[in-house]
Amino acid sequence: MIRIIGGSAKGVALAAPRGMNTRPTLGRTRESIFNVLMNVGLLETKVLDIFAGTGALGLEAVSRGAAEAVLIDQATRRILEENVRRCRAEGRVRILAKDAEKALQSLAGETFDYIFLDPPYRKGYINEILASVFRLGLAADGAILIVEHVSAEPLDLSLLGEEVSLWKEKRVGETAVTYLLYKKS
């Protein structure tokens, strides 16, 4: 069972899709991610959760003080709507039930302080979606991007430009969580 770990919705159990081959971020991984982000500051930030699945990352951020989250997932709209209700986050969370690339294009002109990217493993989406995020200008100055991926599918930072740097990386088994920092030059 997936639960919100901290903040105003702490302990809320999230609905999860059945039989859709989703892979929610483990509670201990989410806790580790949010320990890092709480040290940087989440209050009044704007969050983008790409390939949101259950919405656990975006909803955890809102529970811990983010002002707004946008959750993108074409396949789990009903699950996301249910979880937003369970967390009492209506009005602070938008759901875009579209293909990731089309959803990102619809957000052009907006910027986000934190961007979560947890695409299906071994599908080749990571570098393509990251490139779109920067091409569309979705990262605010000083934004942190948190990318969960398998170690066998590394990020290609050379595609992202000089403004993007590796901040830190944590590996657990075959899974890596890579933190990227975006600073306008």
N, C-alpha and C. Protein backbone atom coordinates (compact mmCIF):
# COMPACT_ATOMS: atom_id res chain seq x y z
N MET A 1 0.85 -1.19 0.00
CA MET A 1 0.00 0.00 0.00
C MET A 1 0.88 1.25 0.00
N ILE A 2 0.52 2.20 -0.81
CA ILE A 2 1.27 3.45 -0.93
C ILE A 2 0.57 4.49 -0.06
N ARG A 3 1.37 5.15 0.78
CA ARG A 3 0.83 6.19 1.66
C ARG A 3 1.65 7.46 1.52
N ILE A 4 1.00 8.60 1.78
CA ILE A 4 1.72 9.86 1.87
C ILE A 4 2.53 9.81 3.16
N ILE A 5 3.79 10.20 3.09
CA ILE A 5 4.72 10.01 4.21
C ILE A 5 4.72 11.18 5.19
N GLY A 6 4.53 12.41 4.70
CA GLY A 6 4.61 13.55 5.61
C GLY A 6 3.69 14.68 5.21
N GLY A 7 3.56 15.65 6.09
CA GLY A 7 2.79 16.84 5.80
C GLY A 7 1.31 16.71 6.14
N SER A 8 0.50 17.57 5.54
CA SER A 8 -0.92 17.66 5.86
C SER A 8 -1.71 16.40 5.51
N ALA A 9 -1.25 15.62 4.54
CA ALA A 9 -1.95 14.40 4.14
C ALA A 9 -1.23 13.14 4.65
N LYS A 10 -0.35 13.31 5.62
CA LYS A 10 0.43 12.17 6.14
C LYS A 10 -0.48 11.00 6.49
N GLY A 11 -0.10 9.82 6.01
CA GLY A 11 -0.84 8.60 6.32
C GLY A 11 -1.95 8.27 5.34
N VAL A 12 -2.32 9.19 4.47
CA VAL A 12 -3.39 8.92 3.51
C VAL A 12 -2.95 7.81 2.56
N ALA A 13 -3.79 6.78 2.44
CA ALA A 13 -3.51 5.67 1.53
C ALA A 13 -3.94 6.08 0.13
N LEU A 14 -3.06 5.85 -0.84
CA LEU A 14 -3.34 6.20 -2.22
C LEU A 14 -3.87 4.99 -2.99
N ALA A 15 -4.83 5.26 -3.86
CA ALA A 15 -5.31 4.23 -4.78
C ALA A 15 -4.21 3.96 -5.78
N ALA A 16 -4.11 2.72 -6.22
CA ALA A 16 -3.09 2.34 -7.22
C ALA A 16 -3.76 1.55 -8.32
N PRO A 17 -3.30 1.74 -9.55
CA PRO A 17 -3.90 0.98 -10.66
C PRO A 17 -3.57 -0.50 -10.54
N ARG A 18 -4.52 -1.31 -10.93
CA ARG A 18 -4.32 -2.76 -10.89
C ARG A 18 -3.99 -3.26 -12.28
N GLY A 19 -3.00 -4.12 -12.36
CA GLY A 19 -2.71 -4.79 -13.61
C GLY A 19 -2.25 -3.92 -14.75
N MET A 20 -1.75 -2.72 -14.46
CA MET A 20 -1.31 -1.83 -15.54
C MET A 20 0.21 -1.77 -15.62
N ASN A 21 0.87 -2.67 -14.90
CA ASN A 21 2.33 -2.73 -14.93
C ASN A 21 2.97 -1.41 -14.51
N THR A 22 2.35 -0.75 -13.51
CA THR A 22 2.94 0.48 -12.98
C THR A 22 3.96 0.11 -11.91
N ARG A 23 4.84 1.04 -11.63
CA ARG A 23 5.92 0.81 -10.68
C ARG A 23 6.02 2.04 -9.79
N PRO A 24 5.17 2.14 -8.76
CA PRO A 24 5.24 3.32 -7.89
C PRO A 24 6.60 3.44 -7.21
N THR A 25 7.02 4.68 -7.00
CA THR A 25 8.26 4.92 -6.27
C THR A 25 8.12 4.38 -4.86
N LEU A 26 9.06 3.56 -4.44
CA LEU A 26 9.01 2.96 -3.11
C LEU A 26 8.98 4.03 -2.02
N GLY A 27 8.32 3.72 -0.91
CA GLY A 27 8.21 4.66 0.19
C GLY A 27 9.55 5.15 0.69
N ARG A 28 10.51 4.25 0.82
CA ARG A 28 11.83 4.67 1.34
C ARG A 28 12.55 5.55 0.33
N THR A 29 12.34 5.30 -0.97
CA THR A 29 12.94 6.17 -2.00
C THR A 29 12.28 7.54 -1.96
N ARG A 30 10.95 7.56 -1.84
CA ARG A 30 10.23 8.83 -1.74
C ARG A 30 10.67 9.61 -0.51
N GLU A 31 10.82 8.90 0.60
CA GLU A 31 11.27 9.55 1.83
C GLU A 31 12.66 10.15 1.65
N SER A 32 13.54 9.43 1.02
CA SER A 32 14.89 9.94 0.75
C SER A 32 14.84 11.18 -0.14
N ILE A 33 14.03 11.14 -1.18
CA ILE A 33 13.89 12.28 -2.08
C ILE A 33 13.40 13.50 -1.31
N PHE A 34 12.37 13.31 -0.49
CA PHE A 34 11.79 14.46 0.21
C PHE A 34 12.66 14.94 1.37
N ASN A 35 13.48 14.09 1.92
CA ASN A 35 14.47 14.58 2.89
C ASN A 35 15.42 15.56 2.22
N VAL A 36 15.84 15.25 1.01
CA VAL A 36 16.71 16.16 0.25
C VAL A 36 15.96 17.46 -0.05
N LEU A 37 14.74 17.35 -0.57
CA LEU A 37 14.00 18.54 -0.99
C LEU A 37 13.57 19.42 0.18
N MET A 38 13.27 18.82 1.31
CA MET A 38 12.88 19.63 2.48
C MET A 38 14.05 20.49 2.95
N ASN A 39 15.27 20.00 2.76
CA ASN A 39 16.44 20.80 3.11
C ASN A 39 16.64 21.97 2.17
N VAL A 40 16.16 21.85 0.95
CA VAL A 40 16.26 22.93 -0.04
C VAL A 40 15.08 23.89 0.12
N GLY A 41 13.91 23.35 0.41
CA GLY A 41 12.71 24.16 0.61
C GLY A 41 11.61 23.83 -0.37
N LEU A 42 10.46 23.42 0.14
CA LEU A 42 9.31 23.08 -0.70
C LEU A 42 8.18 24.10 -0.61
N LEU A 43 8.15 24.92 0.43
CA LEU A 43 7.03 25.81 0.64
C LEU A 43 6.82 26.75 -0.54
N GLU A 44 5.56 26.82 -0.95
CA GLU A 44 5.12 27.74 -2.01
C GLU A 44 5.80 27.50 -3.36
N THR A 45 6.25 26.28 -3.61
CA THR A 45 6.88 25.95 -4.89
C THR A 45 5.84 25.37 -5.84
N LYS A 46 6.24 25.29 -7.10
CA LYS A 46 5.40 24.73 -8.15
C LYS A 46 6.08 23.46 -8.66
N VAL A 47 5.31 22.35 -8.70
CA VAL A 47 5.86 21.03 -8.97
C VAL A 47 5.22 20.43 -10.21
N LEU A 48 6.05 19.75 -11.01
CA LEU A 48 5.57 19.01 -12.18
C LEU A 48 5.95 17.55 -11.99
N ASP A 49 4.98 16.65 -12.11
CA ASP A 49 5.20 15.22 -11.95
C ASP A 49 4.83 14.55 -13.28
N ILE A 50 5.86 14.16 -14.05
CA ILE A 50 5.67 13.57 -15.37
C ILE A 50 5.68 12.05 -15.24
N PHE A 51 4.72 11.37 -15.87
CA PHE A 51 4.48 9.93 -15.68
C PHE A 51 4.12 9.71 -14.22
N ALA A 52 3.09 10.42 -13.76
CA ALA A 52 2.74 10.48 -12.34
C ALA A 52 2.24 9.16 -11.76
N GLY A 53 1.62 8.30 -12.53
CA GLY A 53 1.11 7.04 -11.99
C GLY A 53 0.06 7.28 -10.93
N THR A 54 0.39 7.02 -9.67
CA THR A 54 -0.54 7.26 -8.55
C THR A 54 -0.57 8.73 -8.13
N GLY A 55 0.44 9.49 -8.57
CA GLY A 55 0.56 10.88 -8.15
C GLY A 55 1.31 11.03 -6.84
N ALA A 56 1.92 9.94 -6.34
CA ALA A 56 2.55 9.96 -5.02
C ALA A 56 3.59 11.07 -4.87
N LEU A 57 4.42 11.30 -5.88
CA LEU A 57 5.47 12.31 -5.74
C LEU A 57 4.87 13.72 -5.71
N GLY A 58 4.01 14.04 -6.66
CA GLY A 58 3.39 15.36 -6.68
C GLY A 58 2.52 15.62 -5.47
N LEU A 59 1.75 14.61 -5.05
CA LEU A 59 0.89 14.77 -3.89
C LEU A 59 1.68 14.87 -2.60
N GLU A 60 2.79 14.15 -2.52
CA GLU A 60 3.68 14.27 -1.35
C GLU A 60 4.22 15.70 -1.26
N ALA A 61 4.59 16.28 -2.41
CA ALA A 61 5.10 17.65 -2.42
C ALA A 61 4.04 18.63 -1.95
N VAL A 62 2.81 18.49 -2.43
CA VAL A 62 1.72 19.38 -2.00
C VAL A 62 1.43 19.18 -0.52
N SER A 63 1.44 17.94 -0.06
CA SER A 63 1.21 17.66 1.36
C SER A 63 2.25 18.35 2.23
N ARG A 64 3.47 18.49 1.70
CA ARG A 64 4.56 19.08 2.47
C ARG A 64 4.74 20.58 2.22
N GLY A 65 3.82 21.20 1.51
CA GLY A 65 3.84 22.66 1.41
C GLY A 65 3.99 23.26 0.04
N ALA A 66 4.15 22.45 -1.01
CA ALA A 66 4.19 23.02 -2.36
C ALA A 66 2.85 23.69 -2.65
N ALA A 67 2.89 24.81 -3.34
CA ALA A 67 1.67 25.57 -3.61
C ALA A 67 0.81 24.90 -4.67
N GLU A 68 1.47 24.26 -5.64
CA GLU A 68 0.74 23.71 -6.78
C GLU A 68 1.51 22.55 -7.38
N ALA A 69 0.77 21.58 -7.91
CA ALA A 69 1.39 20.47 -8.64
C ALA A 69 0.58 20.19 -9.90
N VAL A 70 1.30 19.83 -10.94
CA VAL A 70 0.69 19.36 -12.18
C VAL A 70 1.12 17.91 -12.34
N LEU A 71 0.14 17.02 -12.48
CA LEU A 71 0.39 15.59 -12.61
C LEU A 71 0.07 15.18 -14.05
N ILE A 72 1.03 14.56 -14.70
CA ILE A 72 0.84 14.12 -16.09
C ILE A 72 0.87 12.60 -16.13
N ASP A 73 -0.22 12.02 -16.61
CA ASP A 73 -0.24 10.58 -16.89
C ASP A 73 -1.48 10.28 -17.72
N GLN A 74 -1.25 9.75 -18.89
CA GLN A 74 -2.34 9.46 -19.81
C GLN A 74 -3.18 8.28 -19.33
N ALA A 75 -2.56 7.32 -18.66
CA ALA A 75 -3.23 6.05 -18.35
C ALA A 75 -3.94 6.02 -17.01
N THR A 76 -3.64 6.94 -16.09
CA THR A 76 -4.15 6.80 -14.73
C THR A 76 -5.00 7.97 -14.26
N ARG A 77 -5.71 8.63 -15.15
CA ARG A 77 -6.49 9.81 -14.80
C ARG A 77 -7.43 9.56 -13.62
N ARG A 78 -8.19 8.49 -13.65
CA ARG A 78 -9.17 8.22 -12.57
C ARG A 78 -8.48 7.98 -11.23
N ILE A 79 -7.37 7.27 -11.27
CA ILE A 79 -6.59 7.02 -10.04
C ILE A 79 -6.09 8.36 -9.49
N LEU A 80 -5.57 9.21 -10.37
CA LEU A 80 -5.07 10.52 -9.94
C LEU A 80 -6.19 11.36 -9.33
N GLU A 81 -7.36 11.38 -9.99
CA GLU A 81 -8.49 12.15 -9.46
C GLU A 81 -8.88 11.65 -8.07
N GLU A 82 -8.93 10.34 -7.90
CA GLU A 82 -9.27 9.76 -6.60
C GLU A 82 -8.23 10.15 -5.54
N ASN A 83 -6.95 10.08 -5.90
CA ASN A 83 -5.90 10.39 -4.92
C ASN A 83 -5.86 11.87 -4.57
N VAL A 84 -6.16 12.73 -5.51
CA VAL A 84 -6.26 14.17 -5.21
C VAL A 84 -7.37 14.40 -4.19
N ARG A 85 -8.52 13.72 -4.39
CA ARG A 85 -9.64 13.83 -3.43
C ARG A 85 -9.22 13.30 -2.06
N ARG A 86 -8.58 12.13 -2.04
CA ARG A 86 -8.17 11.53 -0.76
C ARG A 86 -7.23 12.46 0.02
N CYS A 87 -6.38 13.17 -0.70
CA CYS A 87 -5.41 14.08 -0.06
C CYS A 87 -5.98 15.47 0.17
N ARG A 88 -7.23 15.67 -0.22
CA ARG A 88 -7.90 16.97 -0.09
C ARG A 88 -7.05 18.07 -0.74
N ALA A 89 -6.58 17.79 -1.95
CA ALA A 89 -5.69 18.72 -2.65
C ALA A 89 -6.36 19.36 -3.87
N GLU A 90 -7.69 19.26 -3.96
CA GLU A 90 -8.39 19.91 -5.05
C GLU A 90 -8.06 21.40 -5.04
N GLY A 91 -7.92 21.97 -6.19
CA GLY A 91 -7.59 23.39 -6.28
C GLY A 91 -6.10 23.67 -6.27
N ARG A 92 -5.31 22.70 -5.82
CA ARG A 92 -3.85 22.87 -5.82
C ARG A 92 -3.16 21.90 -6.78
N VAL A 93 -3.94 20.98 -7.36
CA VAL A 93 -3.38 19.97 -8.26
C VAL A 93 -4.16 19.97 -9.56
N ARG A 94 -3.43 20.03 -10.67
CA ARG A 94 -4.03 19.87 -12.00
C ARG A 94 -3.58 18.53 -12.57
N ILE A 95 -4.49 17.87 -13.25
CA ILE A 95 -4.19 16.59 -13.88
C ILE A 95 -4.26 16.77 -15.39
N LEU A 96 -3.20 16.37 -16.07
CA LEU A 96 -3.19 16.37 -17.53
C LEU A 96 -3.13 14.91 -17.98
N ALA A 97 -4.28 14.40 -18.42
CA ALA A 97 -4.38 13.01 -18.86
C ALA A 97 -4.12 12.95 -20.37
N LYS A 98 -2.87 13.22 -20.74
CA LYS A 98 -2.45 13.26 -22.14
C LYS A 98 -1.12 12.55 -22.27
N ASP A 99 -0.77 12.28 -23.51
CA ASP A 99 0.57 11.83 -23.83
C ASP A 99 1.55 12.84 -23.22
N ALA A 100 2.66 12.37 -22.68
CA ALA A 100 3.59 13.24 -21.96
C ALA A 100 4.07 14.40 -22.83
N GLU A 101 4.44 14.15 -24.05
CA GLU A 101 4.95 15.21 -24.93
C GLU A 101 3.87 16.28 -25.18
N LYS A 102 2.64 15.86 -25.45
CA LYS A 102 1.54 16.82 -25.68
C LYS A 102 1.22 17.60 -24.41
N ALA A 103 1.26 16.93 -23.28
CA ALA A 103 1.00 17.60 -22.01
C ALA A 103 2.06 18.66 -21.75
N LEU A 104 3.32 18.31 -21.98
CA LEU A 104 4.40 19.29 -21.78
C LEU A 104 4.23 20.48 -22.70
N GLN A 105 3.87 20.24 -23.95
CA GLN A 105 3.65 21.34 -24.89
C GLN A 105 2.53 22.26 -24.41
N SER A 106 1.50 21.70 -23.80
CA SER A 106 0.39 22.51 -23.30
C SER A 106 0.80 23.38 -22.11
N LEU A 107 1.92 23.06 -21.48
CA LEU A 107 2.41 23.83 -20.33
C LEU A 107 3.42 24.92 -20.72
N ALA A 108 3.76 25.01 -22.00
CA ALA A 108 4.73 26.01 -22.46
C ALA A 108 4.33 27.38 -21.93
N GLY A 109 5.29 28.10 -21.39
CA GLY A 109 5.03 29.41 -20.79
C GLY A 109 4.97 29.35 -19.27
N GLU A 110 4.82 28.15 -18.71
CA GLU A 110 4.84 27.98 -17.25
C GLU A 110 6.22 27.48 -16.85
N THR A 111 6.61 27.73 -15.61
CA THR A 111 7.86 27.18 -15.09
C THR A 111 7.60 26.48 -13.76
N PHE A 112 8.48 25.53 -13.45
CA PHE A 112 8.32 24.70 -12.26
C PHE A 112 9.63 24.68 -11.48
N ASP A 113 9.49 24.67 -10.15
CA ASP A 113 10.65 24.65 -9.26
C ASP A 113 11.21 23.23 -9.09
N TYR A 114 10.31 22.25 -9.09
CA TYR A 114 10.71 20.85 -8.98
C TYR A 114 10.01 20.06 -10.08
N ILE A 115 10.77 19.23 -10.76
CA ILE A 115 10.21 18.41 -11.83
C ILE A 115 10.59 16.96 -11.56
N PHE A 116 9.57 16.12 -11.36
CA PHE A 116 9.77 14.70 -11.15
C PHE A 116 9.57 13.98 -12.47
N LEU A 117 10.46 13.08 -12.78
CA LEU A 117 10.36 12.30 -14.01
C LEU A 117 10.64 10.84 -13.66
N ASP A 118 9.61 10.02 -13.78
CA ASP A 118 9.73 8.60 -13.45
C ASP A 118 9.06 7.79 -14.56
N PRO A 119 9.68 7.78 -15.75
CA PRO A 119 9.04 7.11 -16.89
C PRO A 119 9.14 5.59 -16.80
N PRO A 120 8.35 4.90 -17.61
CA PRO A 120 8.51 3.44 -17.68
C PRO A 120 9.97 3.12 -18.02
N TYR A 121 10.50 2.12 -17.34
CA TYR A 121 11.89 1.73 -17.56
C TYR A 121 12.08 1.09 -18.93
N ARG A 122 13.27 1.28 -19.46
CA ARG A 122 13.73 0.63 -20.70
C ARG A 122 12.85 0.93 -21.91
N LYS A 123 12.30 2.13 -21.96
CA LYS A 123 11.48 2.55 -23.10
C LYS A 123 12.12 3.69 -23.87
N GLY A 124 13.24 4.23 -23.36
CA GLY A 124 13.94 5.30 -24.06
C GLY A 124 13.30 6.67 -23.92
N TYR A 125 12.43 6.86 -22.93
CA TYR A 125 11.74 8.14 -22.77
C TYR A 125 12.56 9.21 -22.07
N ILE A 126 13.50 8.81 -21.22
CA ILE A 126 14.14 9.75 -20.31
C ILE A 126 14.77 10.94 -21.02
N ASN A 127 15.70 10.69 -21.91
CA ASN A 127 16.42 11.80 -22.55
C ASN A 127 15.51 12.62 -23.45
N GLU A 128 14.56 11.97 -24.11
CA GLU A 128 13.60 12.67 -24.97
C GLU A 128 12.73 13.64 -24.17
N ILE A 129 12.20 13.17 -23.05
CA ILE A 129 11.33 14.02 -22.22
C ILE A 129 12.13 15.13 -21.55
N LEU A 130 13.32 14.82 -21.05
CA LEU A 130 14.17 15.87 -20.47
C LEU A 130 14.47 16.95 -21.50
N ALA A 131 14.81 16.56 -22.71
CA ALA A 131 15.09 17.54 -23.76
C ALA A 131 13.86 18.42 -24.01
N SER A 132 12.66 17.84 -23.99
CA SER A 132 11.43 18.62 -24.18
C SER A 132 11.21 19.61 -23.05
N VAL A 133 11.48 19.18 -21.82
CA VAL A 133 11.31 20.08 -20.66
C VAL A 133 12.14 21.34 -20.86
N PHE A 134 13.39 21.19 -21.30
CA PHE A 134 14.26 22.35 -21.46
C PHE A 134 13.95 23.12 -22.74
N ARG A 135 13.60 22.42 -23.80
CA ARG A 135 13.25 23.09 -25.07
C ARG A 135 12.02 23.98 -24.87
N LEU A 136 11.08 23.53 -24.04
CA LEU A 136 9.85 24.27 -23.79
C LEU A 136 9.99 25.29 -22.66
N GLY A 137 11.16 25.35 -22.01
CA GLY A 137 11.41 26.34 -20.96
C GLY A 137 10.61 26.10 -19.69
N LEU A 138 10.36 24.84 -19.33
CA LEU A 138 9.51 24.53 -18.17
C LEU A 138 10.24 24.59 -16.83
N ALA A 139 11.56 24.57 -16.86
CA ALA A 139 12.33 24.62 -15.61
C ALA A 139 12.58 26.07 -15.20
N ALA A 140 12.20 26.40 -13.97
CA ALA A 140 12.49 27.73 -13.43
C ALA A 140 13.99 27.83 -13.15
N ASP A 141 14.50 29.04 -13.07
CA ASP A 141 15.90 29.21 -12.68
C ASP A 141 16.09 28.62 -11.29
N GLY A 142 17.06 27.76 -11.13
CA GLY A 142 17.30 27.10 -9.85
C GLY A 142 16.48 25.83 -9.66
N ALA A 143 15.75 25.41 -10.69
CA ALA A 143 14.91 24.22 -10.58
C ALA A 143 15.75 22.98 -10.33
N ILE A 144 15.15 22.05 -9.61
CA ILE A 144 15.76 20.74 -9.40
C ILE A 144 14.87 19.71 -10.08
N LEU A 145 15.51 18.88 -10.90
CA LEU A 145 14.81 17.80 -11.58
C LEU A 145 15.22 16.50 -10.92
N ILE A 146 14.24 15.69 -10.57
CA ILE A 146 14.49 14.42 -9.90
C ILE A 146 14.05 13.33 -10.86
N VAL A 147 15.02 12.56 -11.33
CA VAL A 147 14.76 11.56 -12.37
C VAL A 147 15.02 10.18 -11.80
N GLU A 148 14.00 9.33 -11.80
CA GLU A 148 14.16 7.95 -11.36
C GLU A 148 14.28 7.08 -12.62
N HIS A 149 15.32 6.27 -12.67
CA HIS A 149 15.57 5.46 -13.86
C HIS A 149 16.41 4.25 -13.50
N VAL A 150 16.50 3.32 -14.43
CA VAL A 150 17.40 2.18 -14.20
C VAL A 150 18.80 2.60 -14.59
N SER A 151 19.77 2.07 -13.87
CA SER A 151 21.17 2.42 -14.14
C SER A 151 21.57 2.10 -15.57
N ALA A 152 20.94 1.07 -16.15
CA ALA A 152 21.26 0.67 -17.53
C ALA A 152 20.74 1.67 -18.56
N GLU A 153 19.92 2.64 -18.13
CA GLU A 153 19.37 3.66 -19.02
C GLU A 153 19.82 5.03 -18.50
N PRO A 154 21.08 5.39 -18.73
CA PRO A 154 21.63 6.62 -18.15
C PRO A 154 21.12 7.88 -18.84
N LEU A 155 21.24 8.98 -18.12
CA LEU A 155 20.90 10.29 -18.68
C LEU A 155 22.05 10.76 -19.56
N ASP A 156 21.71 11.42 -20.64
CA ASP A 156 22.73 12.00 -21.52
C ASP A 156 22.72 13.51 -21.31
N LEU A 157 23.54 13.97 -20.35
CA LEU A 157 23.56 15.40 -20.00
C LEU A 157 24.04 16.27 -21.15
N SER A 158 24.75 15.70 -22.10
CA SER A 158 25.25 16.50 -23.23
C SER A 158 24.10 17.01 -24.09
N LEU A 159 22.93 16.40 -23.99
CA LEU A 159 21.77 16.84 -24.76
C LEU A 159 21.06 18.03 -24.12
N LEU A 160 21.42 18.35 -22.88
CA LEU A 160 20.62 19.29 -22.10
C LEU A 160 21.19 20.69 -22.00
N GLY A 161 22.40 20.91 -22.41
CA GLY A 161 22.97 22.25 -22.37
C GLY A 161 23.77 22.53 -21.12
N GLU A 162 24.52 23.63 -21.17
CA GLU A 162 25.43 23.98 -20.08
C GLU A 162 24.72 24.42 -18.81
N GLU A 163 23.45 24.80 -18.91
CA GLU A 163 22.72 25.27 -17.72
C GLU A 163 22.33 24.13 -16.78
N VAL A 164 22.44 22.89 -17.26
CA VAL A 164 22.01 21.74 -16.48
C VAL A 164 23.24 21.00 -15.95
N SER A 165 23.25 20.75 -14.65
CA SER A 165 24.38 20.02 -14.07
C SER A 165 23.86 18.91 -13.15
N LEU A 166 24.69 17.89 -13.01
CA LEU A 166 24.39 16.81 -12.10
C LEU A 166 24.61 17.33 -10.68
N TRP A 167 23.59 17.27 -9.85
CA TRP A 167 23.71 17.74 -8.48
C TRP A 167 24.08 16.59 -7.56
N LYS A 168 23.34 15.48 -7.67
CA LYS A 168 23.65 14.30 -6.88
C LYS A 168 22.95 13.11 -7.50
N GLU A 169 23.41 11.93 -7.11
CA GLU A 169 22.79 10.70 -7.61
C GLU A 169 22.84 9.65 -6.51
N LYS A 170 21.76 8.92 -6.39
CA LYS A 170 21.70 7.84 -5.40
C LYS A 170 21.22 6.58 -6.12
N ARG A 171 21.93 5.49 -5.87
CA ARG A 171 21.57 4.21 -6.50
C ARG A 171 21.17 3.20 -5.43
N VAL A 172 20.08 2.49 -5.73
CA VAL A 172 19.62 1.40 -4.88
C VAL A 172 19.34 0.24 -5.83
N GLY A 173 20.22 -0.77 -5.79
CA GLY A 173 20.07 -1.88 -6.74
C GLY A 173 20.23 -1.37 -8.15
N GLU A 174 19.30 -1.73 -9.02
CA GLU A 174 19.37 -1.28 -10.42
C GLU A 174 18.73 0.08 -10.64
N THR A 175 18.11 0.64 -9.60
CA THR A 175 17.43 1.93 -9.72
C THR A 175 18.35 3.07 -9.30
N ALA A 176 18.30 4.14 -10.07
CA ALA A 176 19.05 5.35 -9.74
C ALA A 176 18.08 6.52 -9.63
N VAL A 177 18.33 7.39 -8.67
CA VAL A 177 17.62 8.66 -8.58
C VAL A 177 18.67 9.72 -8.82
N THR A 178 18.50 10.45 -9.93
CA THR A 178 19.45 11.47 -10.33
C THR A 178 18.81 12.84 -10.14
N TYR A 179 19.54 13.73 -9.47
CA TYR A 179 19.09 15.10 -9.23
C TYR A 179 19.87 16.01 -10.16
N LEU A 180 19.15 16.76 -10.98
CA LEU A 180 19.77 17.73 -11.88
C LEU A 180 19.42 19.13 -11.43
N LEU A 181 20.35 20.04 -11.55
CA LEU A 181 20.14 21.43 -11.18
C LEU A 181 20.18 22.28 -12.43
N TYR A 182 19.17 23.14 -12.58
CA TYR A 182 19.10 24.04 -13.73
C TYR A 182 19.38 25.46 -13.28
N LYS A 183 20.41 26.05 -13.80
CA LYS A 183 20.76 27.44 -13.51
C LYS A 183 20.91 28.19 -14.80
N LYS A 184 20.09 29.23 -14.99
CA LYS A 184 20.25 30.05 -16.19
C LYS A 184 21.61 30.74 -16.15
N SER A 185 22.26 30.77 -17.30
CA SER A 185 23.60 31.40 -17.31
C SER A 185 23.51 32.90 -17.49
